[in-house]
Amino acid sequence: MSKKIVVSGINLVDGGALSVYYDFLDSVIESENYKINDYIILVSQKELFKKYRDKLKIIEFPKSKKSWILRIYYEYYYFYRLSKQIKPDIWLSMHDITPNVIAKKRFVYCHNPSPFYKMPFSEIKYGWKYYAFSKFYKYLYKINIKKNTSIIVQQQWMANEFKKMFGVNKIIVAHPSISAEKINDFKYNQDNVFKFIYPSFPRVYKNFELLCEATKKLLKDNPELKFKVLVTLRGNENNYASMLLNKYKHVSNLEFIGLIDRSKLFELYGKMDCLIFISKLETWGMPISEFEFTNKKIIASKLPYAYETVGSYSNATFVDVNSVEDLEEKMKQAILTKSFKNINRQEKSSNYLYANNWKKLINIIQNYD
């Protein structure tokens, strides 16, 4: 029997969260689930979702990103009225907040790790909004959370935290997945300059400063090595990015390339030799999953989220997120050795209801008892 499914993502306009929304919708299209069920997607900007307009009904909320007051108005008041009009069988919120709606089944996809980052007050100069998020976001998570049919998180460690923090037991662990068709035919770098890339938005917990320090030290200690490190910031994104540029712009092996869209990033992967992803906190770490398609080297954080994301991928190693020396040594190994041997290989499994791709998650949501 056909179901009416609302997917809400009015706060998603860029970055990894938007990529997750795209991947979910792409799976709806690729699996032809939209031919069986009626999908209504709620977005901030229709222009960002124009490739779906022939197959999914799109409702735009252009003011949703203007202020948190408007966001709260939509989530807790307007969507209640909208749900009474639409009468959905399923309402899936893709961005953390559990709205006040009427639906036979309700799900919320939680991917913001802010409540789990113990941000010191000394870092407030790099972004007071994120500091506030790290302290208060858990209270937004908590509102209406027990009204959901189930909570969806990306990793088992986060499921454990939600169970402990909010007392919820119905949790789906859904690993983000990316279609192989999205990845270009990768080729290895042909020149004699070894290239690293760290693709991420410059937030303080992303740990760019450690990479910059390790790059500077590797250059000083090994001037004979030919290498380059690309970081996806330009210096004008926020105070943290500005600090990084001013402090490290003299390091010749560092290249500040600015933020780039996902398709261009996939092209750039083909010219790289090694991915570095050393964030101190993530709910997944999508660049790791993307870069695994290249079969090239990965240097990741020695933390639970990274172990789970890397999984059984063999050409990877892990570093202490607080050690410049450890990262320097692993970067040197990447340049001088043929490949890494991941001795921490983990199968991607879970103690919770589990989906290892979007198609399986869609099936779980539609048939959840």
Protein backbone atom coordinates (compact mmCIF):
# COMPACT_ATOMS: atom_id res chain seq x y z
CA MET A 1 0.00 0.00 0.00
CA SER A 2 1.30 3.43 -0.95
CA LYS A 3 2.44 5.67 1.90
CA LYS A 4 2.66 9.44 2.16
CA ILE A 5 6.15 10.30 3.44
CA VAL A 6 7.32 13.75 4.52
CA VAL A 7 11.08 14.32 4.70
CA SER A 8 12.01 17.58 6.40
CA GLY A 9 15.38 19.29 6.05
CA ILE A 10 14.65 23.01 6.13
CA ASN A 11 17.91 23.75 7.95
CA LEU A 12 20.20 21.96 5.48
CA VAL A 13 21.84 24.24 2.96
CA ASP A 14 25.51 23.19 2.85
CA GLY A 15 28.23 20.90 4.16
CA GLY A 16 28.07 17.26 5.18
CA ALA A 17 24.50 17.47 6.48
CA LEU A 18 23.25 18.58 3.06
CA SER A 19 25.29 15.78 1.44
CA VAL A 20 23.52 13.28 3.72
CA TYR A 21 20.14 14.69 2.65
CA TYR A 22 21.13 14.38 -1.01
CA ASP A 23 22.36 10.81 -0.54
CA PHE A 24 19.10 9.81 1.14
CA LEU A 25 16.99 11.35 -1.64
CA ASP A 26 19.25 9.87 -4.33
CA SER A 27 18.60 6.44 -2.85
CA VAL A 28 14.84 7.11 -2.96
CA ILE A 29 15.23 7.85 -6.68
CA GLU A 30 17.68 5.04 -7.51
CA SER A 31 15.58 2.42 -5.74
CA GLU A 32 12.46 3.83 -7.45
CA ASN A 33 10.77 4.00 -4.06
CA TYR A 34 9.19 7.28 -5.15
CA LYS A 35 7.09 5.28 -7.64
CA ILE A 36 5.58 3.29 -4.77
CA ASN A 37 5.19 6.05 -2.19
CA ASP A 38 4.39 9.76 -2.33
CA TYR A 39 7.33 11.83 -1.09
CA ILE A 40 7.03 15.43 0.05
CA ILE A 41 10.35 17.08 0.86
CA LEU A 42 10.64 20.26 2.91
CA VAL A 43 13.64 22.41 2.03
CA SER A 44 15.06 25.87 2.59
CA GLN A 45 15.97 26.56 -1.05
CA LYS A 46 14.25 24.83 -3.97
CA GLU A 47 17.21 25.68 -6.18
CA LEU A 48 19.40 23.26 -4.22
CA PHE A 49 16.96 20.41 -4.91
CA LYS A 50 15.97 21.08 -8.51
CA LYS A 51 17.21 17.67 -9.70
CA TYR A 52 14.40 16.06 -7.66
CA ARG A 53 11.52 18.27 -8.77
CA ASP A 54 10.19 15.87 -11.44
CA LYS A 55 9.91 12.97 -9.01
CA LEU A 56 9.30 14.45 -5.55
CA LYS A 57 6.99 17.19 -4.35
CA ILE A 58 9.04 20.06 -2.93
CA ILE A 59 7.84 22.66 -0.43
CA GLU A 60 10.20 25.58 0.14
CA PHE A 61 10.77 27.54 3.37
CA PRO A 62 13.16 30.32 2.29
CA LYS A 63 13.03 32.09 5.65
CA SER A 64 13.95 29.01 7.69
CA LYS A 65 17.65 29.92 7.92
CA LYS A 66 17.13 33.58 8.74
CA SER A 67 16.77 33.07 12.48
CA TRP A 68 16.32 30.41 15.14
CA ILE A 69 13.00 32.00 16.08
CA LEU A 70 11.65 31.20 12.62
CA ARG A 71 13.13 27.70 12.76
CA ILE A 72 11.38 27.03 16.06
CA TYR A 73 8.15 28.52 14.68
CA TYR A 74 8.20 26.09 11.77
CA GLU A 75 9.19 23.02 13.80
CA TYR A 76 6.82 23.44 16.73
CA TYR A 77 3.85 25.39 15.32
CA TYR A 78 3.64 25.57 11.53
CA PHE A 79 4.51 21.93 10.91
CA TYR A 80 1.68 20.86 13.22
CA ARG A 81 -0.80 22.65 10.96
CA LEU A 82 0.97 21.35 7.85
CA SER A 83 0.85 17.75 9.09
CA LYS A 84 -2.90 18.04 9.73
CA GLN A 85 -3.30 19.10 6.08
CA ILE A 86 -0.97 16.50 4.55
CA LYS A 87 -1.93 13.62 6.88
CA PRO A 88 1.39 11.78 6.39
CA ASP A 89 1.95 8.13 7.21
CA ILE A 90 5.61 8.88 8.00
CA TRP A 91 7.36 12.11 9.01
CA LEU A 92 11.16 12.00 8.92
CA SER A 93 13.07 15.00 10.26
CA MET A 94 16.60 14.97 8.82
CA HIS A 95 18.10 17.58 11.12
CA ASP A 96 18.09 16.70 14.81
CA ILE A 97 14.94 18.48 16.00
CA THR A 98 11.80 16.46 16.69
CA PRO A 99 8.95 18.62 15.34
CA ASN A 100 5.46 18.90 16.74
CA VAL A 101 3.51 16.98 14.07
CA ILE A 102 0.76 14.43 13.60
CA ALA A 103 1.85 11.29 11.73
CA LYS A 104 1.37 7.55 12.07
CA LYS A 105 5.13 7.12 12.41
CA ARG A 106 7.72 9.72 13.35
CA PHE A 107 11.50 9.54 12.99
CA VAL A 108 14.31 12.01 13.64
CA TYR A 109 17.78 11.73 12.13
CA CYS A 110 20.34 13.02 14.65
CA HIS A 111 23.77 13.92 13.30
CA ASN A 112 24.96 16.99 15.18
CA PRO A 113 27.69 16.01 17.69
CA SER A 114 27.67 19.37 19.52
CA PRO A 115 26.39 18.02 22.88
CA PHE A 116 29.29 15.59 23.05
CA TYR A 117 32.09 18.12 22.52
CA LYS A 118 33.36 19.59 25.77
CA MET A 119 34.35 22.92 24.29
CA PRO A 120 36.48 24.97 26.71
CA PHE A 121 35.57 28.61 27.28
CA SER A 122 38.97 29.62 25.85
CA GLU A 123 37.75 28.54 22.39
CA ILE A 124 34.72 30.83 22.42
CA LYS A 125 36.72 33.39 20.42
CA TYR A 126 36.53 30.99 17.47
CA GLY A 127 32.75 30.94 17.45
CA TRP A 128 30.35 31.83 20.23
CA LYS A 129 27.46 30.17 18.37
CA TYR A 130 29.16 26.82 18.36
CA TYR A 131 30.13 27.26 21.99
CA ALA A 132 26.45 27.87 22.77
CA PHE A 133 25.48 24.83 20.68
CA SER A 134 27.90 22.63 22.58
CA LYS A 135 26.24 23.64 25.84
CA PHE A 136 22.56 23.83 24.90
CA TYR A 137 21.98 21.64 21.82
CA LYS A 138 21.17 18.61 23.95
CA TYR A 139 18.09 20.46 25.22
CA LEU A 140 16.86 20.90 21.63
CA TYR A 141 17.45 17.20 21.04
CA LYS A 142 15.40 16.42 24.15
CA ILE A 143 12.22 18.27 23.12
CA ASN A 144 9.61 15.73 21.91
CA ILE A 145 12.32 13.07 21.47
CA LYS A 146 10.28 10.33 23.15
CA LYS A 147 7.36 10.99 20.79
CA ASN A 148 9.33 9.47 17.93
CA THR A 149 8.69 5.98 16.67
CA SER A 150 12.47 5.65 16.63
CA ILE A 151 15.63 7.77 16.69
CA ILE A 152 18.15 7.44 13.86
CA VAL A 153 21.86 8.00 14.49
CA GLN A 154 24.93 7.31 12.39
CA GLN A 155 27.09 5.28 14.77
CA GLN A 156 26.85 2.93 17.71
CA TRP A 157 28.77 5.23 20.08
CA MET A 158 26.15 7.92 19.49
CA ALA A 159 23.32 5.46 20.03
CA ASN A 160 24.87 4.59 23.39
CA GLU A 161 25.07 8.30 24.30
CA PHE A 162 21.45 8.95 23.32
CA LYS A 163 20.29 5.97 25.33
CA LYS A 164 22.19 7.25 28.36
CA MET A 165 21.39 10.96 27.93
CA PHE A 166 17.70 10.78 26.97
CA GLY A 167 16.53 7.35 28.13
CA VAL A 168 15.41 6.27 24.66
CA ASN A 169 15.58 2.62 23.62
CA LYS A 170 14.20 2.60 20.09
CA ILE A 171 17.25 3.58 18.07
CA ILE A 172 18.31 2.75 14.52
CA VAL A 173 22.01 2.90 13.70
CA ALA A 174 22.21 3.90 10.03
CA HIS A 175 25.63 4.19 8.47
CA PRO A 176 25.68 6.83 5.72
CA SER A 177 26.44 5.34 2.35
CA ILE A 178 27.46 6.75 -0.98
CA SER A 179 26.74 5.28 -4.37
CA ALA A 180 29.82 4.11 -6.27
CA GLU A 181 28.37 5.75 -9.36
CA LYS A 182 29.00 9.14 -7.76
CA ILE A 183 32.73 8.54 -7.56
CA ASN A 184 34.84 9.26 -10.61
CA ASP A 185 37.36 6.84 -12.05
CA PHE A 186 40.28 7.61 -9.78
CA LYS A 187 43.86 7.74 -10.97
CA TYR A 188 47.00 7.97 -8.93
CA ASN A 189 48.94 11.19 -8.77
CA GLN A 190 51.44 11.20 -11.63
CA ASP A 191 53.96 13.78 -10.41
CA ASN A 192 56.62 13.33 -7.75
CA VAL A 193 54.98 15.58 -5.17
CA PHE A 194 53.04 13.59 -2.58
CA LYS A 195 49.67 15.25 -1.92
CA PHE A 196 47.58 15.17 1.27
CA ILE A 197 44.11 16.65 1.64
CA TYR A 198 41.98 17.45 4.68
CA PRO A 199 38.48 18.36 3.40
CA SER A 200 36.31 19.87 6.10
CA PHE A 201 34.70 23.10 7.26
CA PRO A 202 37.03 25.02 9.62
CA ARG A 203 35.52 24.49 13.06
CA VAL A 204 37.75 24.36 16.09
CA TYR A 205 37.07 20.69 16.86
CA LYS A 206 38.12 19.76 13.32
CA ASN A 207 41.69 20.05 14.59
CA PHE A 208 43.24 21.87 11.62
CA GLU A 209 45.85 23.43 13.87
CA LEU A 210 47.37 20.03 14.60
CA LEU A 211 47.74 19.37 10.87
CA CYS A 212 49.31 22.78 10.27
CA GLU A 213 51.82 22.22 13.08
CA ALA A 214 52.66 18.72 11.84
CA THR A 215 53.14 20.02 8.30
CA LYS A 216 55.49 22.75 9.52
CA LYS A 217 57.47 20.25 11.59
CA LEU A 218 57.64 17.64 8.81
CA LEU A 219 58.98 20.28 6.43
CA LYS A 220 61.60 21.42 8.94
CA ASP A 221 62.73 17.90 9.92
CA ASN A 222 62.68 16.44 6.39
CA PRO A 223 63.43 19.21 3.85
CA GLU A 224 64.21 16.57 1.20
CA LEU A 225 60.64 15.28 1.11
CA LYS A 226 58.44 16.60 -1.68
CA PHE A 227 54.88 16.93 -0.43
CA LYS A 228 51.94 19.30 -0.30
CA VAL A 229 49.01 19.55 2.12
CA LEU A 230 45.67 20.93 0.88
CA VAL A 231 43.10 22.24 3.36
CA THR A 232 39.60 23.37 2.40
CA LEU A 233 39.61 26.79 4.01
CA ARG A 234 40.53 30.22 2.73
CA GLY A 235 40.73 32.17 5.97
CA ASN A 236 37.56 34.25 5.70
CA GLU A 237 35.06 31.62 6.85
CA ASN A 238 35.23 32.46 10.57
CA ASN A 239 37.63 33.55 13.33
CA TYR A 240 39.18 30.11 13.57
CA ALA A 241 39.96 30.02 9.83
CA SER A 242 41.38 33.55 10.01
CA MET A 243 43.70 32.53 12.85
CA LEU A 244 44.92 29.49 10.90
CA LEU A 245 45.67 31.50 7.79
CA ASN A 246 47.53 34.25 9.65
CA LYS A 247 49.54 31.78 11.72
CA TYR A 248 50.49 29.32 8.97
CA LYS A 249 50.38 31.15 5.62
CA HIS A 250 54.18 31.20 5.61
CA VAL A 251 54.35 27.37 5.58
CA SER A 252 55.17 26.75 1.93
CA ASN A 253 53.82 23.18 1.82
CA LEU A 254 50.36 24.23 3.02
CA GLU A 255 47.80 25.21 0.39
CA PHE A 256 44.59 26.95 1.47
CA ILE A 257 42.17 26.07 -1.33
CA GLY A 258 38.87 27.19 0.21
CA LEU A 259 35.59 25.30 0.35
CA ILE A 260 34.68 23.38 -2.81
CA ASP A 261 31.51 21.60 -3.84
CA ARG A 262 31.23 17.85 -3.60
CA SER A 263 31.58 17.02 -7.31
CA LYS A 264 34.81 19.03 -7.55
CA LEU A 265 36.05 17.41 -4.35
CA PHE A 266 35.55 13.97 -5.90
CA GLU A 267 37.62 15.11 -8.89
CA LEU A 268 40.31 16.42 -6.56
CA TYR A 269 40.50 13.08 -4.74
CA GLY A 270 41.90 11.63 -7.96
CA LYS A 271 44.93 13.92 -7.71
CA MET A 272 45.59 13.19 -4.04
CA ASP A 273 47.71 10.44 -2.46
CA CYS A 274 46.39 10.48 1.09
CA LEU A 275 43.36 11.70 3.01
CA ILE A 276 43.84 13.19 6.46
CA PHE A 277 40.78 13.32 8.70
CA ILE A 278 41.72 14.16 12.29
CA SER A 279 38.57 15.73 13.72
CA LYS A 280 38.14 15.32 17.47
CA LEU A 281 34.43 14.65 17.15
CA GLU A 282 32.16 13.39 14.37
CA THR A 283 28.97 11.45 14.03
CA TRP A 284 30.47 9.82 10.95
CA GLY A 285 33.25 11.42 8.86
CA MET A 286 31.89 11.29 5.32
CA PRO A 287 35.21 12.11 3.55
CA ILE A 288 36.60 8.83 4.93
CA SER A 289 33.78 6.85 3.29
CA GLU A 290 34.20 8.79 0.05
CA PHE A 291 37.98 8.39 -0.09
CA GLU A 292 37.82 4.63 0.54
CA PHE A 293 36.65 4.25 -3.07
CA THR A 294 40.13 5.37 -4.20
CA ASN A 295 41.94 2.58 -2.31
CA LYS A 296 44.50 5.20 -1.32
CA LYS A 297 45.97 5.93 2.11
CA ILE A 298 43.94 7.39 4.95
CA ILE A 299 45.19 8.92 8.20
CA ALA A 300 42.31 9.17 10.68
CA SER A 301 41.73 10.04 14.33
CA LYS A 302 42.45 7.39 16.94
CA LEU A 303 38.85 7.66 18.16
CA PRO A 304 35.77 5.39 18.15
CA TYR A 305 33.93 7.29 15.39
CA ALA A 306 36.91 6.93 13.03
CA TYR A 307 37.41 3.23 13.76
CA GLU A 308 33.74 2.62 12.96
CA THR A 309 33.84 4.74 9.80
CA VAL A 310 37.06 3.21 8.47
CA GLY A 311 35.69 -0.24 9.30
CA SER A 312 37.51 -3.04 7.46
CA TYR A 313 39.31 -0.72 5.00
CA SER A 314 42.92 -1.88 5.05
CA ASN A 315 44.95 1.09 3.74
CA ALA A 316 44.50 3.26 6.85
CA THR A 317 46.24 4.25 10.05
CA PHE A 318 45.18 6.19 13.14
CA VAL A 319 46.77 9.07 15.07
CA ASP A 320 46.54 10.65 18.49
CA VAL A 321 44.47 13.82 17.91
CA ASN A 322 46.63 15.74 20.38
CA SER A 323 50.08 14.68 19.15
CA VAL A 324 51.94 16.70 16.51
CA GLU A 325 54.74 14.15 16.59
CA ASP A 326 52.43 11.21 15.92
CA LEU A 327 50.80 12.95 12.96
CA GLU A 328 54.19 14.02 11.57
CA GLU A 329 55.43 10.42 11.75
CA LYS A 330 52.30 9.02 10.05
CA MET A 331 52.54 11.63 7.29
CA LYS A 332 56.18 10.64 6.75
CA GLN A 333 55.19 6.99 6.60
CA ALA A 334 52.50 7.82 4.05
CA ILE A 335 55.08 9.45 1.79
CA LEU A 336 57.72 6.74 2.12
CA THR A 337 55.72 3.50 2.26
CA LYS A 338 53.59 1.78 -0.36
CA SER A 339 50.52 1.38 1.82
CA PHE A 340 49.25 1.27 5.40
CA LYS A 341 48.12 -1.89 7.15
CA ASN A 342 45.06 -1.21 9.28
CA ILE A 343 45.49 -3.41 12.35
CA ASN A 344 42.29 -1.99 13.91
CA ARG A 345 39.96 -3.31 11.23
CA GLN A 346 36.34 -3.37 12.34
CA GLU A 347 33.35 -4.91 10.68
CA LYS A 348 30.53 -2.39 10.45
CA SER A 349 28.05 -3.97 12.83
CA SER A 350 25.77 -2.77 15.58
CA ASN A 351 23.95 -3.90 18.70
CA TYR A 352 20.95 -1.85 17.56
CA LEU A 353 18.53 -2.12 14.68
CA TYR A 354 20.97 -1.54 11.86
CA ALA A 355 21.05 -0.26 8.28
CA ASN A 356 24.30 -0.17 6.35
CA ASN A 357 22.89 1.84 3.45
CA TRP A 358 20.06 4.25 2.65
CA LYS A 359 17.95 1.66 0.86
CA LYS A 360 17.87 -0.52 3.98
CA LEU A 361 17.06 2.48 6.16
CA ILE A 362 14.15 3.44 3.91
CA ASN A 363 12.86 -0.12 4.15
CA ILE A 364 13.15 -0.13 7.96
CA ILE A 365 11.32 3.19 8.25
CA GLN A 366 8.46 2.06 6.02
CA ASN A 367 7.99 -1.26 7.78
CA TYR A 368 8.80 -0.30 11.35
CA ASP A 369 6.46 -1.96 13.86
